[in-house]
Protein backbone atom coordinates (compact mmCIF):
# COMPACT_ATOMS: atom_id res chain seq x y z
CA MET A 1 40.45 -111.05 110.67
CA ALA A 2 39.92 -109.26 107.37
CA LYS A 3 37.84 -106.64 109.19
CA THR A 4 40.71 -105.86 111.55
CA LYS A 5 43.14 -105.50 108.64
CA GLY A 6 40.71 -103.16 106.93
CA LYS A 7 40.55 -100.92 109.99
CA SER A 8 44.33 -100.93 110.26
CA ALA A 9 44.76 -100.03 106.60
CA ARG A 10 42.22 -97.20 106.92
CA ALA A 11 44.01 -95.83 110.01
CA GLU A 12 47.32 -95.84 108.14
CA ALA A 13 45.71 -94.09 105.17
CA ASP A 14 44.17 -91.43 107.40
CA GLY A 15 47.50 -90.64 108.98
CA PRO A 16 48.63 -90.04 112.57
CA LEU A 17 46.73 -86.74 112.95
CA ASP A 18 43.43 -88.58 112.60
CA SER A 19 44.24 -90.38 115.83
CA SER A 20 45.11 -87.19 117.71
CA PRO A 21 42.29 -85.95 120.00
CA SER A 22 43.74 -82.43 120.17
CA HIS A 23 43.99 -82.18 116.39
CA LEU A 24 40.51 -83.57 115.76
CA MET A 25 38.92 -81.36 118.41
CA HIS A 26 40.62 -78.31 116.89
CA ARG A 27 39.25 -79.22 113.47
CA VAL A 28 35.75 -79.72 114.84
CA LEU A 29 35.93 -76.40 116.72
CA GLN A 30 37.04 -74.56 113.58
CA LEU A 31 34.21 -76.17 111.62
CA ALA A 32 31.67 -75.17 114.30
CA LEU A 33 32.93 -71.57 114.38
CA ASP A 34 32.80 -71.33 110.58
CA ILE A 35 29.19 -72.53 110.58
CA TYR A 36 28.33 -70.12 113.41
CA THR A 37 29.81 -67.19 111.44
CA GLU A 38 27.94 -68.18 108.27
CA GLU A 39 24.60 -68.44 110.09
CA THR A 40 24.89 -65.32 112.24
CA GLY A 41 26.35 -63.10 109.54
CA PRO A 42 28.98 -60.35 109.59
CA GLY A 43 28.95 -57.95 112.52
CA ALA A 44 27.01 -60.36 114.74
CA ILE A 45 27.98 -61.07 118.34
CA THR A 46 30.59 -63.79 118.80
CA GLN A 47 29.80 -67.25 120.14
CA ARG A 48 31.42 -66.36 123.48
CA GLN A 49 29.51 -63.10 123.73
CA PHE A 50 26.32 -65.05 123.07
CA ALA A 51 27.24 -67.45 125.90
CA VAL A 52 27.77 -64.52 128.31
CA LEU A 53 24.44 -62.93 127.35
CA VAL A 54 22.62 -66.24 127.82
CA ALA A 55 24.22 -66.76 131.24
CA VAL A 56 23.40 -63.23 132.44
CA ALA A 57 19.84 -63.39 131.07
CA GLY A 58 19.27 -66.61 133.00
CA ASN A 59 20.36 -65.05 136.28
CA GLU A 60 20.60 -61.26 136.47
CA GLY A 61 23.23 -59.97 138.87
CA LEU A 62 25.96 -62.57 138.28
CA THR A 63 29.45 -61.74 139.48
CA GLN A 64 32.50 -62.33 137.29
CA THR A 65 33.27 -65.50 139.26
CA ASP A 66 29.73 -66.74 138.60
CA LEU A 67 30.16 -66.05 134.88
CA VAL A 68 33.42 -68.01 134.77
CA LYS A 69 31.60 -71.03 136.22
CA ALA A 70 28.55 -70.61 133.98
CA THR A 71 30.40 -70.17 130.68
CA GLY A 72 33.72 -71.97 131.18
CA ILE A 73 35.58 -68.92 129.84
CA ASP A 74 38.81 -68.26 131.75
CA ARG A 75 38.83 -65.34 134.18
CA SER A 76 41.19 -62.98 132.36
CA THR A 77 39.50 -63.45 128.97
CA LEU A 78 36.08 -63.00 130.54
CA ALA A 79 37.14 -59.79 132.29
CA ASP A 80 38.24 -58.30 128.94
CA MET A 81 35.04 -59.48 127.24
CA VAL A 82 32.76 -58.01 129.90
CA ALA A 83 34.62 -54.70 129.72
CA ARG A 84 34.16 -54.57 125.92
CA MET A 85 30.51 -55.58 126.15
CA ILE A 86 29.90 -52.81 128.69
CA THR A 87 31.57 -50.31 126.34
CA LYS A 88 29.35 -51.55 123.48
CA GLY A 89 26.25 -51.08 125.65
CA MET A 90 25.25 -54.75 125.95
CA LEU A 91 25.97 -55.07 129.66
CA GLU A 92 26.08 -52.75 132.64
CA ARG A 93 27.97 -53.18 135.88
CA GLU A 94 26.71 -52.43 139.38
CA ARG A 95 27.82 -53.04 142.95
CA SER A 96 26.60 -56.35 144.43
CA SER A 97 23.91 -56.02 147.08
CA VAL A 98 25.22 -59.21 148.71
CA ASP A 99 28.97 -58.50 148.67
CA ALA A 100 30.05 -54.87 148.64
CA ARG A 101 33.49 -55.91 147.33
CA ALA A 102 32.05 -57.54 144.19
CA ASN A 103 30.54 -56.14 141.01
CA THR A 104 27.66 -57.78 139.18
CA VAL A 105 26.51 -57.45 135.58
CA ARG A 106 23.07 -57.28 134.03
CA LEU A 107 21.69 -57.01 130.51
CA THR A 108 20.89 -53.63 129.03
CA ASP A 109 17.97 -53.22 126.63
CA GLN A 110 20.48 -53.35 123.78
CA GLY A 111 22.02 -56.54 125.16
CA ARG A 112 18.62 -58.19 125.44
CA ALA A 113 17.81 -57.17 121.87
CA GLU A 114 21.14 -58.58 120.63
CA LEU A 115 20.44 -61.85 122.43
CA GLU A 116 16.92 -62.24 121.01
CA ALA A 117 18.16 -61.46 117.49
CA ALA A 118 20.98 -64.03 117.78
CA LYS A 119 18.96 -66.91 119.25
CA PRO A 120 17.35 -68.23 116.02
CA ARG A 121 20.63 -67.88 114.13
CA VAL A 122 22.58 -69.78 116.79
CA GLU A 123 19.89 -72.49 116.80
CA ALA A 124 20.28 -72.79 113.02
CA ALA A 125 24.07 -73.12 113.43
CA ASP A 126 23.66 -75.82 116.07
CA LYS A 127 21.21 -77.67 113.81
CA ARG A 128 23.68 -77.58 110.92
CA ILE A 129 26.51 -78.86 113.13
CA LEU A 130 24.49 -81.79 114.46
CA GLY A 131 23.18 -82.46 110.95
CA LEU A 132 26.68 -83.55 109.96
CA LEU A 133 26.20 -86.65 112.13
CA PRO A 134 23.73 -89.54 111.72
CA GLY A 135 20.63 -89.09 113.87
CA GLY A 136 21.50 -91.95 116.20
CA LYS A 137 24.86 -90.41 117.14
CA ARG A 138 23.77 -86.85 117.93
CA ASP A 139 22.70 -87.37 121.56
CA SER A 140 25.84 -89.38 122.37
CA PHE A 141 27.96 -86.67 120.73
CA ILE A 142 26.41 -83.99 122.97
CA ASN A 143 26.88 -86.22 126.02
CA VAL A 144 30.57 -86.75 125.21
CA LEU A 145 31.12 -83.01 124.75
CA ARG A 146 29.36 -82.30 128.05
CA ALA A 147 31.44 -84.95 129.83
CA PHE A 148 34.67 -83.47 128.42
CA ALA A 149 33.68 -79.96 129.52
CA HIS A 150 32.78 -81.05 133.05
CA ALA A 151 35.91 -83.17 133.39
CA GLY A 152 38.11 -80.30 132.25
CA GLU A 153 36.47 -77.87 134.67
CA ALA A 154 36.82 -80.35 137.55
CA ALA A 155 40.50 -80.91 136.73
CA ALA A 156 41.14 -77.16 136.60
CA ALA A 157 39.37 -76.64 139.93
CA GLU A 158 41.39 -79.43 141.54
CA GLU A 159 44.64 -77.98 140.17
CA GLU A 160 43.72 -74.54 141.55
CA ALA A 161 42.88 -76.05 144.94
CA GLY A 162 46.17 -77.97 144.91
CA GLU A 163 48.14 -74.78 144.23
CA ALA A 164 46.31 -73.07 147.09
CA ARG A 165 47.18 -75.96 149.43
CA LYS A 166 50.86 -75.80 148.40
CA LYS A 167 51.00 -72.07 149.07
CA LYS A 168 49.38 -72.50 152.47
CA LYS A 169 51.74 -75.34 153.37
CA LYS A 170 54.74 -73.26 152.32
CA ALA A 171 53.49 -70.30 154.35
CA ASP A 172 52.95 -72.51 157.39
CA LYS A 173 56.47 -73.93 157.10
CA GLY A 174 57.90 -70.45 156.80
CA GLY A 175 56.15 -69.46 160.03
CA LYS A 176 57.54 -72.46 161.89
CA ARG A 177 61.06 -71.78 160.70
CA ALA A 178 61.03 -68.22 161.95
CA LYS A 179 63.93 -67.90 164.41
CA ALA A 180 63.10 -67.21 168.02
CA PRO A 181 64.84 -64.16 169.53
CA LYS A 182 68.26 -65.00 170.96
CA ALA A 183 68.52 -65.21 174.74
CA GLU A 184 70.31 -62.27 176.27
CA LYS A 185 73.85 -62.93 177.45
CA ALA A 186 74.47 -62.62 181.19
CA PRO A 187 76.49 -59.58 182.29
CA LYS A 188 80.22 -60.20 182.37
CA ALA A 189 80.38 -59.98 186.17
CA GLU A 190 77.82 -62.78 186.53
CA ARG A 191 79.60 -65.20 184.24
CA PRO A 192 81.50 -68.03 185.95
CA GLU A 193 85.22 -67.40 185.90
CA LYS A 194 87.32 -69.77 183.88
CA LYS A 195 90.11 -71.50 185.73
CA LYS A 196 93.46 -70.33 184.56
CA LYS A 197 95.88 -73.02 183.56
CA LYS A 198 99.08 -73.09 185.55
CA VAL A 199 102.14 -72.61 183.45
CA LYS A 200 105.24 -74.40 184.69
CA LYS A 201 108.33 -72.27 184.81
CA ALA A 202 111.49 -73.66 183.37
CA ALA A 203 114.12 -74.53 186.01
């Protein structure tokens, strides 16, 4: 009983924000980014740029859609990032040999050099981040993060599919409601004559 009271008292002392997943995750993210910046140094590639380089290095010739799936970065942000990385000489774009409508990206020599230079620094950052937790909790922490990421991606994919289904359903309904052309009226001569009502004359 005393143990329960102790937990309750500690929760009250911590405040409501320490029970908020969004707040705690934001704090952890900020901490991770600060450590990443400290380890990689000024002027280094960003964590997201590193993720893109790793994804492309693992499979040359990825399309933008492939990169969205591999990195979890949203499509519009990724498009801007890839454009900047091409301008900086880290990536180059070419037409897909599989789909003529799609463009693929590959590492340049500069991009590969940037990646190799960043790898040990990123590993040091990851080691520092995990070092904040007791050894027995590190694997479970990674598993929870992975589960969150996969669940979020699955939810986003389901939402996108749902929107596509709604649009299709709406389009189908619109097609069914399209009015059929009106039947042509018969020529006046062919119409049946209406019987004229007899009007009684006053006596």
